[in-house]
C-alpha atoms as a PDB file:
ATOM      1  CA  MET A   1      62.645 173.192 173.786  1.00  0.00           C
ATOM      2  CA  LYS A   2      66.346 173.816 173.040  1.00  0.00           C
ATOM      3  CA  LYS A   3      67.207 170.472 174.720  1.00  0.00           C
ATOM      4  CA  PHE A   4      64.784 168.603 172.528  1.00  0.00           C
ATOM      5  CA  GLY A   5      66.272 170.188 169.415  1.00  0.00           C
ATOM      6  CA  PHE A   6      69.795 169.177 170.326  1.00  0.00           C
ATOM      7  CA  VAL A   7      68.775 165.562 170.883  1.00  0.00           C
ATOM      8  CA  SER A   8      66.996 165.513 167.545  1.00  0.00           C
ATOM      9  CA  VAL A   9      70.059 166.847 165.768  1.00  0.00           C
ATOM     10  CA  LEU A  10      72.295 164.259 167.486  1.00  0.00           C
ATOM     11  CA  MET A  11      70.073 161.344 166.550  1.00  0.00           C
ATOM     12  CA  ALA A  12      69.908 162.514 162.984  1.00  0.00           C
ATOM     13  CA  ALA A  13      73.707 162.642 162.851  1.00  0.00           C
ATOM     14  CA  VAL A  14      73.893 159.056 164.133  1.00  0.00           C
ATOM     15  CA  PHE A  15      71.496 157.812 161.460  1.00  0.00           C
ATOM     16  CA  ILE A  16      73.463 159.624 158.735  1.00  0.00           C
ATOM     17  CA  LEU A  17      76.778 158.080 159.896  1.00  0.00           C
ATOM     18  CA  ALA A  18      75.222 154.621 160.081  1.00  0.00           C
ATOM     19  CA  ALA A  19      73.866 155.013 156.599  1.00  0.00           C
ATOM     20  CA  CYS A  20      77.280 156.040 155.292  1.00  0.00           C
ATOM     21  CA  ALA A  21      79.193 153.233 157.016  1.00  0.00           C
ATOM     22  CA  PRO A  22      80.367 150.397 154.724  1.00  0.00           C
ATOM     23  CA  ALA A  23      78.424 147.153 154.813  1.00  0.00           C
ATOM     24  CA  MET A  24      79.899 144.414 157.091  1.00  0.00           C
ATOM     25  CA  THR A  25      81.909 141.799 155.243  1.00  0.00           C
ATOM     26  CA  PRO A  26      80.702 138.279 156.158  1.00  0.00           C
ATOM     27  CA  THR A  27      83.309 136.079 157.897  1.00  0.00           C
ATOM     28  CA  PRO A  28      84.579 133.459 155.358  1.00  0.00           C
ATOM     29  CA  GLU A  29      84.084 129.768 156.114  1.00  0.00           C
ATOM     30  CA  PRO A  30      87.380 127.901 156.862  1.00  0.00           C
ATOM     31  CA  THR A  31      88.779 125.991 153.869  1.00  0.00           C
ATOM     32  CA  MET A  32      89.063 122.182 154.442  1.00  0.00           C
ATOM     33  CA  VAL A  33      92.568 120.848 153.720  1.00  0.00           C
ATOM     34  CA  PRO A  34      92.323 117.430 152.048  1.00  0.00           C
ATOM     35  CA  GLU A  35      93.940 114.508 153.856  1.00  0.00           C
ATOM     36  CA  PRO A  36      97.116 113.269 152.105  1.00  0.00           C
ATOM     37  CA  THR A  37      96.580 110.079 150.116  1.00  0.00           C
ATOM     38  CA  ALA A  38      98.496 107.172 151.667  1.00  0.00           C
ATOM     39  CA  MET A  39     101.002 105.637 149.256  1.00  0.00           C
ATOM     40  CA  PRO A  40     100.487 101.862 148.903  1.00  0.00           C
ATOM     41  CA  GLU A  41     103.198  99.685 150.433  1.00  0.00           C
ATOM     42  CA  PRO A  42     105.389  98.104 147.733  1.00  0.00           C
ATOM     43  CA  MET A  43     104.439  94.467 147.164  1.00  0.00           C
ATOM     44  CA  LEU A  44     107.158  92.048 148.253  1.00  0.00           C
ATOM     45  CA  LYS A  45     108.290  89.426 145.754  1.00  0.00           C
ATOM     46  CA  ASP A  46     108.725  85.774 146.712  1.00  0.00           C
ATOM     47  CA  ILE A  47     112.162  84.314 147.400  1.00  0.00           C
ATOM     48  CA  VAL A  48     112.845  83.228 143.816  1.00  0.00           C
ATOM     49  CA  ASP A  49     111.712  86.483 142.195  1.00  0.00           C
ATOM     50  CA  THR A  50     113.630  88.506 144.804  1.00  0.00           C
ATOM     51  CA  ALA A  51     116.809  86.579 143.977  1.00  0.00           C
ATOM     52  CA  VAL A  52     116.250  87.030 140.234  1.00  0.00           C
ATOM     53  CA  ALA A  53     115.638  90.773 140.603  1.00  0.00           C
ATOM     54  CA  ASP A  54     118.730  91.218 142.788  1.00  0.00           C
ATOM     55  CA  GLY A  55     121.131  90.186 140.031  1.00  0.00           C
ATOM     56  CA  ARG A  56     123.810  88.601 142.245  1.00  0.00           C
ATOM     57  CA  PHE A  57     122.290  85.118 142.316  1.00  0.00           C
ATOM     58  CA  GLY A  58     122.322  83.985 138.687  1.00  0.00           C
ATOM     59  CA  THR A  59     124.012  80.653 139.451  1.00  0.00           C
ATOM     60  CA  LEU A  60     121.735  79.956 142.412  1.00  0.00           C
ATOM     61  CA  VAL A  61     118.630  80.645 140.334  1.00  0.00           C
ATOM     62  CA  ALA A  62     119.899  78.401 137.501  1.00  0.00           C
ATOM     63  CA  ALA A  63     120.574  75.620 140.029  1.00  0.00           C
ATOM     64  CA  VAL A  64     117.125  75.975 141.598  1.00  0.00           C
ATOM     65  CA  GLN A  65     115.559  75.711 138.140  1.00  0.00           C
ATOM     66  CA  ALA A  66     117.654  72.675 137.177  1.00  0.00           C
ATOM     67  CA  ALA A  67     116.749  70.911 140.438  1.00  0.00           C
ATOM     68  CA  GLY A  68     113.031  71.574 139.994  1.00  0.00           C
ATOM     69  CA  LEU A  69     112.779  73.575 143.209  1.00  0.00           C
ATOM     70  CA  VAL A  70     111.313  76.810 141.838  1.00  0.00           C
ATOM     71  CA  ASP A  71     107.742  76.030 142.906  1.00  0.00           C
ATOM     72  CA  ALA A  72     108.909  74.924 146.359  1.00  0.00           C
ATOM     73  CA  LEU A  73     110.717  78.239 146.928  1.00  0.00           C
ATOM     74  CA  LYS A  74     107.790  80.225 145.553  1.00  0.00           C
ATOM     75  CA  GLY A  75     105.378  78.466 147.918  1.00  0.00           C
ATOM     76  CA  ALA A  76     103.650  79.845 151.008  1.00  0.00           C
ATOM     77  CA  GLY A  77     106.575  79.202 153.339  1.00  0.00           C
ATOM     78  CA  PRO A  78     107.760  80.799 155.479  1.00  0.00           C
ATOM     79  CA  LEU A  79     111.307  79.817 154.569  1.00  0.00           C
ATOM     80  CA  THR A  80     114.783  81.078 155.336  1.00  0.00           C
ATOM     81  CA  VAL A  81     117.349  80.834 152.552  1.00  0.00           C
ATOM     82  CA  PHE A  82     121.076  81.220 153.072  1.00  0.00           C
ATOM     83  CA  ALA A  83     121.819  82.389 149.541  1.00  0.00           C
ATOM     84  CA  PRO A  84     125.303  82.047 148.026  1.00  0.00           C
ATOM     85  CA  THR A  85     126.207  84.743 145.532  1.00  0.00           C
ATOM     86  CA  ASP A  86     127.628  84.065 142.087  1.00  0.00           C
ATOM     87  CA  ASP A  87     131.061  84.813 143.580  1.00  0.00           C
ATOM     88  CA  ALA A  88     130.431  82.147 146.216  1.00  0.00           C
ATOM     89  CA  PHE A  89     129.705  79.511 143.560  1.00  0.00           C
ATOM     90  CA  ALA A  90     132.815  80.634 141.669  1.00  0.00           C
ATOM     91  CA  MET A  91     134.902  79.597 144.697  1.00  0.00           C
ATOM     92  CA  LEU A  92     134.027  75.916 144.162  1.00  0.00           C
ATOM     93  CA  PRO A  93     136.586  73.782 142.307  1.00  0.00           C
ATOM     94  CA  ALA A  94     136.585  74.333 138.539  1.00  0.00           C
ATOM     95  CA  GLY A  95     133.819  72.415 136.776  1.00  0.00           C
ATOM     96  CA  THR A  96     131.828  71.666 139.940  1.00  0.00           C
ATOM     97  CA  VAL A  97     128.830  73.808 139.047  1.00  0.00           C
ATOM     98  CA  GLU A  98     128.684  72.490 135.488  1.00  0.00           C
ATOM     99  CA  THR A  99     128.798  68.911 136.767  1.00  0.00           C
ATOM    100  CA  LEU A 100     126.068  69.500 139.330  1.00  0.00           C
ATOM    101  CA  LEU A 101     123.778  71.018 136.707  1.00  0.00           C
ATOM    102  CA  LYS A 102     123.818  67.822 134.619  1.00  0.00           C
ATOM    103  CA  PRO A 103     120.546  65.823 134.773  1.00  0.00           C
ATOM    104  CA  GLU A 104     122.261  62.730 136.163  1.00  0.00           C
ATOM    105  CA  ASN A 105     123.367  64.718 139.231  1.00  0.00           C
ATOM    106  CA  LEU A 106     119.884  66.043 140.034  1.00  0.00           C
ATOM    107  CA  GLU A 107     119.617  64.417 143.471  1.00  0.00           C
ATOM    108  CA  GLN A 108     123.014  65.648 144.609  1.00  0.00           C
ATOM    109  CA  LEU A 109     122.215  69.166 143.412  1.00  0.00           C
ATOM    110  CA  LYS A 110     118.840  69.093 145.143  1.00  0.00           C
ATOM    111  CA  SER A 111     120.448  67.983 148.420  1.00  0.00           C
ATOM    112  CA  ILE A 112     122.964  70.829 148.274  1.00  0.00           C
ATOM    113  CA  LEU A 113     120.286  73.430 147.566  1.00  0.00           C
ATOM    114  CA  LEU A 114     117.900  72.163 150.260  1.00  0.00           C
ATOM    115  CA  TYR A 115     120.792  72.319 152.716  1.00  0.00           C
ATOM    116  CA  HIS A 116     120.619  76.113 152.290  1.00  0.00           C
ATOM    117  CA  VAL A 117     116.931  76.279 153.307  1.00  0.00           C
ATOM    118  CA  VAL A 118     115.297  76.232 156.750  1.00  0.00           C
ATOM    119  CA  GLY A 119     111.570  75.628 157.002  1.00  0.00           C
ATOM    120  CA  SER A 120     110.797  78.676 159.143  1.00  0.00           C
ATOM    121  CA  LYS A 121     111.475  82.403 159.152  1.00  0.00           C
ATOM    122  CA  LEU A 122     114.741  83.134 160.966  1.00  0.00           C
ATOM    123  CA  MET A 123     115.725  86.768 161.294  1.00  0.00           C
ATOM    124  CA  ALA A 124     119.357  87.689 161.938  1.00  0.00           C
ATOM    125  CA  SER A 125     118.572  88.089 165.636  1.00  0.00           C
ATOM    126  CA  ASP A 126     117.324  84.486 165.693  1.00  0.00           C
ATOM    127  CA  VAL A 127     120.349  83.114 163.853  1.00  0.00           C
ATOM    128  CA  THR A 128     122.824  84.762 166.210  1.00  0.00           C
ATOM    129  CA  SER A 129     121.022  83.451 169.283  1.00  0.00           C
ATOM    130  CA  MET A 130     120.788  79.764 168.341  1.00  0.00           C
ATOM    131  CA  PRO A 131     123.483  77.112 167.866  1.00  0.00           C
ATOM    132  CA  SER A 132     121.998  75.467 164.783  1.00  0.00           C
ATOM    133  CA  ALA A 133     118.896  74.882 162.673  1.00  0.00           C
ATOM    134  CA  LYS A 134     117.710  71.847 160.742  1.00  0.00           C
ATOM    135  CA  SER A 135     117.727  72.344 156.984  1.00  0.00           C
ATOM    136  CA  LEU A 136     115.148  70.940 154.573  1.00  0.00           C
ATOM    137  CA  GLU A 137     117.862  68.513 153.453  1.00  0.00           C
ATOM    138  CA  GLY A 138     117.694  67.038 156.951  1.00  0.00           C
ATOM    139  CA  SER A 139     121.129  67.977 158.276  1.00  0.00           C
ATOM    140  CA  GLU A 140     121.868  70.732 160.760  1.00  0.00           C
ATOM    141  CA  ILE A 141     123.382  74.086 159.811  1.00  0.00           C
ATOM    142  CA  ALA A 142     125.644  75.327 162.613  1.00  0.00           C
ATOM    143  CA  PHE A 143     125.591  79.006 163.559  1.00  0.00           C
ATOM    144  CA  LYS A 144     128.268  81.006 165.341  1.00  0.00           C
ATOM    145  CA  VAL A 145     129.320  84.600 165.908  1.00  0.00           C
ATOM    146  CA  ASP A 146     133.059  85.271 165.723  1.00  0.00           C
ATOM    147  CA  MET A 147     134.770  88.677 165.871  1.00  0.00           C
ATOM    148  CA  GLY A 148     131.445  90.379 165.243  1.00  0.00           C
ATOM    149  CA  ASN A 149     130.630  88.313 162.152  1.00  0.00           C
ATOM    150  CA  ALA A 150     127.862  85.711 161.905  1.00  0.00           C
ATOM    151  CA  TYR A 151     128.513  82.384 160.180  1.00  0.00           C
ATOM    152  CA  ALA A 152     126.434  79.518 158.821  1.00  0.00           C
ATOM    153  CA  ASN A 153     128.871  76.616 159.116  1.00  0.00           C
ATOM    154  CA  GLU A 154     132.015  78.267 157.707  1.00  0.00           C
ATOM    155  CA  ALA A 155     130.193  80.654 155.358  1.00  0.00           C
ATOM    156  CA  LYS A 156     130.118  84.289 156.466  1.00  0.00           C
ATOM    157  CA  ILE A 157     126.700  85.919 156.424  1.00  0.00           C
ATOM    158  CA  ILE A 158     127.400  89.181 154.604  1.00  0.00           C
ATOM    159  CA  ILE A 159     123.863  90.599 154.240  1.00  0.00           C
ATOM    160  CA  THR A 160     120.922  89.808 156.507  1.00  0.00           C
ATOM    161  CA  ASP A 161     117.153  90.124 156.664  1.00  0.00           C
ATOM    162  CA  ILE A 162     116.180  90.588 153.012  1.00  0.00           C
ATOM    163  CA  GLU A 163     112.403  90.407 153.353  1.00  0.00           C
ATOM    164  CA  THR A 164     110.324  88.498 150.809  1.00  0.00           C
ATOM    165  CA  SER A 165     106.645  87.610 150.638  1.00  0.00           C
ATOM    166  CA  ASN A 166     107.312  84.045 151.770  1.00  0.00           C
ATOM    167  CA  GLY A 167     110.312  84.334 154.042  1.00  0.00           C
ATOM    168  CA  ILE A 168     113.742  85.812 154.454  1.00  0.00           C
ATOM    169  CA  ILE A 169     117.088  85.722 152.627  1.00  0.00           C
ATOM    170  CA  HIS A 170     120.513  85.957 154.248  1.00  0.00           C
ATOM    171  CA  VAL A 171     123.393  86.328 151.789  1.00  0.00           C
ATOM    172  CA  ILE A 172     126.474  84.140 152.349  1.00  0.00           C
ATOM    173  CA  ASP A 173     129.942  84.236 150.828  1.00  0.00           C
ATOM    174  CA  SER A 174     130.432  80.506 150.164  1.00  0.00           C
ATOM    175  CA  VAL A 175     128.343  77.467 149.255  1.00  0.00           C
ATOM    176  CA  LEU A 176     127.164  75.186 152.066  1.00  0.00           C
ATOM    177  CA  LEU A 177     127.867  71.499 151.463  1.00  0.00           C
ATOM    178  CA  PRO A 178     125.830  68.986 153.468  1.00  0.00           C
ATOM    179  CA  PRO A 179     127.787  66.520 155.585  1.00  0.00           C
ATOM    180  CA  ALA A 180     128.383  63.140 154.022  1.00  0.00           C
ATOM    181  CA  LYS A 181     125.659  60.652 154.849  1.00  0.00           C
ATOM    182  CA  LEU A 182     126.948  58.032 157.267  1.00  0.00           C
ATOM    183  CA  SER A 183     126.470  54.340 156.570  1.00  0.00           C
ATOM    184  CA  ASP A 184     125.465  51.875 159.269  1.00  0.00           C
ATOM    185  CA  ILE A 185     128.070  49.888 161.187  1.00  0.00           C
ATOM    186  CA  VAL A 186     128.053  46.895 158.830  1.00  0.00           C
ATOM    187  CA  ASP A 187     128.276  48.939 155.625  1.00  0.00           C
ATOM    188  CA  THR A 188     130.971  51.143 157.164  1.00  0.00           C
ATOM    189  CA  ALA A 189     133.053  48.075 158.025  1.00  0.00           C
ATOM    190  CA  VAL A 190     132.575  46.584 154.555  1.00  0.00           C
ATOM    191  CA  ALA A 191     133.485  49.845 152.810  1.00  0.00           C
ATOM    192  CA  ASP A 192     136.625  50.222 154.930  1.00  0.00           C
ATOM    193  CA  GLY A 193     138.181  47.087 153.465  1.00  0.00           C
ATOM    194  CA  ARG A 194     140.056  45.986 156.597  1.00  0.00           C
ATOM    195  CA  PHE A 195     137.192  43.958 158.088  1.00  0.00           C
ATOM    196  CA  LYS A 196     136.435  41.234 155.531  1.00  0.00           C
ATOM    197  CA  THR A 197     136.702  38.424 158.091  1.00  0.00           C
ATOM    198  CA  LEU A 198     134.502  40.293 160.573  1.00  0.00           C
ATOM    199  CA  ALA A 199     131.902  40.932 157.857  1.00  0.00           C
ATOM    200  CA  ALA A 200     131.920  37.255 156.849  1.00  0.00           C
ATOM    201  CA  ALA A 201     131.540  36.222 160.495  1.00  0.00           C
ATOM    202  CA  LEU A 202     128.592  38.576 161.013  1.00  0.00           C
ATOM    203  CA  GLY A 203     126.909  37.105 157.951  1.00  0.00           C
ATOM    204  CA  ALA A 204     127.478  33.522 159.082  1.00  0.00           C
ATOM    205  CA  ALA A 205     126.189  34.304 162.593  1.00  0.00           C
ATOM    206  CA  GLY A 206     123.065  36.039 161.324  1.00  0.00           C
ATOM    207  CA  LEU A 207     123.974  39.321 163.026  1.00  0.00           C
ATOM    208  CA  VAL A 208     124.035  41.602 159.983  1.00  0.00           C
ATOM    209  CA  GLU A 209     120.473  42.872 160.446  1.00  0.00           C
ATOM    210  CA  THR A 210     121.095  43.407 164.173  1.00  0.00           C
ATOM    211  CA  LEU A 211     124.100  45.661 163.529  1.00  0.00           C
ATOM    212  CA  LYS A 212     122.293  47.446 160.730  1.00  0.00           C
ATOM    213  CA  GLY A 213     119.486  48.261 163.181  1.00  0.00           C
ATOM    214  CA  GLU A 214     118.708  51.517 164.911  1.00  0.00           C
ATOM    215  CA  GLY A 215     121.165  51.058 167.769  1.00  0.00           C
ATOM    216  CA  PRO A 216     123.138  52.929 168.802  1.00  0.00           C
ATOM    217  CA  PHE A 217     125.977  50.442 169.207  1.00  0.00           C
ATOM    218  CA  THR A 218     129.674  50.599 169.977  1.00  0.00           C
ATOM    219  CA  VAL A 219     131.693  47.925 168.196  1.00  0.00           C
ATOM    220  CA  PHE A 220     135.270  47.030 169.046  1.00  0.00           C
ATOM    221  CA  ALA A 221     136.134  45.777 165.575  1.00  0.00           C
ATOM    222  CA  PRO A 222     139.053  43.375 164.969  1.00  0.00           C
ATOM    223  CA  THR A 223     140.812  43.832 161.636  1.00  0.00           C
ATOM    224  CA  ASP A 224     141.608  40.987 159.244  1.00  0.00           C
ATOM    225  CA  ASP A 225     145.138  41.020 160.703  1.00  0.00           C
ATOM    226  CA  ALA A 226     143.632  40.590 164.171  1.00  0.00           C
ATOM    227  CA  PHE A 227     141.701  37.473 163.090  1.00  0.00           C
ATOM    228  CA  ALA A 228     144.878  36.180 161.432  1.00  0.00           C
ATOM    229  CA  LYS A 229     146.562  36.102 164.860  1.00  0.00           C
ATOM    230  CA  LEU A 230     144.188  33.345 166.003  1.00  0.00           C
ATOM    231  CA  PRO A 231     145.513  29.763 165.840  1.00  0.00           C
ATOM    232  CA  ALA A 232     145.465  28.295 162.342  1.00  0.00           C
ATOM    233  CA  GLY A 233     142.054  26.991 161.326  1.00  0.00           C
ATOM    234  CA  THR A 234     140.164  28.816 164.110  1.00  0.00           C
ATOM    235  CA  VAL A 235     138.241  31.177 161.827  1.00  0.00           C
ATOM    236  CA  GLU A 236     137.312  28.390 159.407  1.00  0.00           C
ATOM    237  CA  THR A 237     136.049  26.247 162.294  1.00  0.00           C
ATOM    238  CA  LEU A 238     133.983  29.090 163.787  1.00  0.00           C
ATOM    239  CA  LEU A 239     132.339  29.760 160.427  1.00  0.00           C
ATOM    240  CA  LYS A 240     130.907  26.213 160.237  1.00  0.00           C
ATOM    241  CA  PRO A 241     127.107  26.053 160.850  1.00  0.00           C
ATOM    242  CA  GLU A 242     127.512  23.738 163.848  1.00  0.00           C
ATOM    243  CA  ASN A 243     129.560  26.403 165.632  1.00  0.00           C
ATOM    244  CA  LEU A 244     127.025  29.178 165.105  1.00  0.00           C
ATOM    245  CA  GLU A 245     126.316  29.825 168.786  1.00  0.00           C
ATOM    246  CA  GLN A 246     130.000  30.012 169.713  1.00  0.00           C
ATOM    247  CA  LEU A 247     130.670  32.403 166.840  1.00  0.00           C
ATOM    248  CA  LYS A 248     127.698  34.550 167.816  1.00  0.00           C
ATOM    249  CA  SER A 249     128.907  34.743 171.424  1.00  0.00           C
ATOM    250  CA  ILE A 250     132.364  35.883 170.322  1.00  0.00           C
ATOM    251  CA  LEU A 251     130.948  38.561 168.032  1.00  0.00           C
ATOM    252  CA  LEU A 252     128.444  39.890 170.602  1.00  0.00           C
ATOM    253  CA  TYR A 253     131.314  40.149 173.072  1.00  0.00           C
ATOM    254  CA  HIS A 254     132.683  42.905 170.808  1.00  0.00           C
ATOM    255  CA  VAL A 255     129.487  44.991 170.980  1.00  0.00           C
ATOM    256  CA  VAL A 256     128.393  47.464 173.668  1.00  0.00           C
ATOM    257  CA  SER A 257     124.932  48.969 173.689  1.00  0.00           C
ATOM    258  CA  GLY A 258     125.016  52.763 173.278  1.00  0.00           C
ATOM    259  CA  LYS A 259     127.350  55.136 171.495  1.00  0.00           C
ATOM    260  CA  VAL A 260     130.548  55.311 173.573  1.00  0.00           C
ATOM    261  CA  MET A 261     133.078  57.727 172.100  1.00  0.00           C
ATOM    262  CA  ALA A 262     136.820  57.468 172.831  1.00  0.00           C
ATOM    263  CA  ASP A 263     136.785  60.272 175.395  1.00  0.00           C
ATOM    264  CA  GLN A 264     134.197  58.284 177.356  1.00  0.00           C
ATOM    265  CA  VAL A 265     135.940  54.923 176.902  1.00  0.00           C
ATOM    266  CA  VAL A 266     139.097  56.158 178.643  1.00  0.00           C
ATOM    267  CA  THR A 267     137.090  57.122 181.727  1.00  0.00           C
ATOM    268  CA  LEU A 268     135.719  53.591 182.172  1.00  0.00           C
ATOM    269  CA  GLU A 269     137.181  50.569 183.894  1.00  0.00           C
ATOM    270  CA  SER A 270     134.808  48.166 182.170  1.00  0.00           C
ATOM    271  CA  ALA A 271     131.813  48.047 179.868  1.00  0.00           C
ATOM    272  CA  ASP A 272     128.977  45.553 179.643  1.00  0.00           C
ATOM    273  CA  THR A 273     128.755  43.862 176.266  1.00  0.00           C
ATOM    274  CA  VAL A 274     125.599  42.745 174.484  1.00  0.00           C
ATOM    275  CA  LEU A 275     126.667  39.174 175.305  1.00  0.00           C
ATOM    276  CA  GLY A 276     126.107  40.019 178.958  1.00  0.00           C
ATOM    277  CA  LYS A 277     129.737  39.746 179.997  1.00  0.00           C
ATOM    278  CA  PRO A 278     131.907  42.822 180.607  1.00  0.00           C
ATOM    279  CA  VAL A 279     135.157  43.796 178.936  1.00  0.00           C
ATOM    280  CA  THR A 280     137.851  45.528 180.959  1.00  0.00           C
ATOM    281  CA  ILE A 281     139.219  48.888 179.857  1.00  0.00           C
ATOM    282  CA  LYS A 282     142.560  50.358 180.828  1.00  0.00           C
ATOM    283  CA  VAL A 283     144.927  53.103 179.721  1.00  0.00           C
ATOM    284  CA  MET A 284     148.617  52.242 179.875  1.00  0.00           C
ATOM    285  CA  ASP A 285     151.535  54.287 178.549  1.00  0.00           C
ATOM    286  CA  GLY A 286     149.113  56.484 176.662  1.00  0.00           C
ATOM    287  CA  LYS A 287     147.468  53.534 174.907  1.00  0.00           C
ATOM    288  CA  VAL A 288     143.940  52.223 175.434  1.00  0.00           C
ATOM    289  CA  TYR A 289     143.258  48.519 175.844  1.00  0.00           C
ATOM    290  CA  VAL A 290     140.052  46.482 175.823  1.00  0.00           C
ATOM    291  CA  ASN A 291     140.978  43.364 177.747  1.00  0.00           C
ATOM    292  CA  ASP A 292     144.427  42.777 176.204  1.00  0.00           C
ATOM    293  CA  SER A 293     143.592  44.145 172.780  1.00  0.00           C
ATOM    294  CA  GLN A 294     144.956  47.579 171.874  1.00  0.00           C
ATOM    295  CA  VAL A 295     142.593  50.153 170.416  1.00  0.00           C
ATOM    296  CA  VAL A 296     144.452  51.318 167.308  1.00  0.00           C
ATOM    297  CA  LEU A 297     141.819  53.635 165.798  1.00  0.00           C
ATOM    298  CA  THR A 298     138.926  55.385 167.524  1.00  0.00           C
ATOM    299  CA  ASP A 299     135.655  57.123 166.747  1.00  0.00           C
ATOM    300  CA  VAL A 300     134.860  55.752 163.303  1.00  0.00           C
ATOM    301  CA  LEU A 301     131.346  57.153 163.075  1.00  0.00           C
ATOM    302  CA  ALA A 302     128.410  55.242 161.655  1.00  0.00           C
ATOM    303  CA  SER A 303     124.754  56.172 161.327  1.00  0.00           C
ATOM    304  CA  ASN A 304     123.834  53.830 164.159  1.00  0.00           C
ATOM    305  CA  GLY A 305     126.846  54.090 166.425  1.00  0.00           C
ATOM    306  CA  VAL A 306     130.625  54.101 166.496  1.00  0.00           C
ATOM    307  CA  ILE A 307     133.483  51.713 165.714  1.00  0.00           C
ATOM    308  CA  HIS A 308     136.778  51.464 167.585  1.00  0.00           C
ATOM    309  CA  VAL A 309     139.363  49.342 165.773  1.00  0.00           C
ATOM    310  CA  ILE A 310     141.306  46.774 167.814  1.00  0.00           C
ATOM    311  CA  ASP A 311     144.369  44.698 166.985  1.00  0.00           C
ATOM    312  CA  SER A 312     143.243  41.290 168.307  1.00  0.00           C
ATOM    313  CA  VAL A 313     140.031  39.325 168.723  1.00  0.00           C
ATOM    314  CA  LEU A 314     138.250  39.458 172.077  1.00  0.00           C
ATOM    315  CA  LEU A 315     137.381  36.020 173.456  1.00  0.00           C
ATOM    316  CA  PRO A 316     134.658  35.888 176.126  1.00  0.00           C
ATOM    317  CA  PRO A 317     135.551  34.230 179.429  1.00  0.00           C
ATOM    318  CA  GLN A 318     134.353  30.655 179.786  1.00  0.00           C
END
């Protein structure tokens, strides 16, 4: 009976303590941390708007506008522009920029500007790993790395890889000028002024179109003084219509198929002419001779070959 009473008292104490205990606090749900909002990438401007916004290309932008090239440089591309700064344009001779911006010089200005543009995207790593690239003007831009600096022709590339929406800009410290356009062999000879007799002979023989053709040709060109060494009356006789074939043979004996530069000529003992008969080549006392005619000027370049000037007329063997 005493045992039962003790158990009853104990159980009552447990119930009293349980009743007095504080209520259990529910475990809070974890708070969700919001994901950070991604900032939008800044929109790249096209090449023209990038140059305008930069502030260092005022002259370039004015030139592009004057030449009507804004839409071309705002197009889809991709393009690479070697961009001269205002300081680069200031290095040109006084008055050059003003002259180029005149309406009558539009084509020349356009050629200069297009010579600064390549029709593909070339990063700095591409430029430094290739010897050249063809510009939209049509001529090649030569690349080189010297003493740790990269160059486009002789212009130092001072800032690289400016990204735009339609290509890339590399900043250069001087203006690129395209190489002068070469004339064909006939026009080069006429412009020189020392080959009037040769030009007249080519016209009489009907060979002008041939030597204005694609070629390439190498012409050993006698000067007017060289023709003057022939016996009196020879040139006048050769220019007569009845002597057309003889004149043509003489002229074709001065022409070699292919572009043979001076450093190649001196390695040869002979060369086959377009006439079908060879000329002999020799070097004596530091001078180069074709048959017995001395080569007095070498490597006059033309668009379809090369001219070497000689001091007497070559006469084919009979």
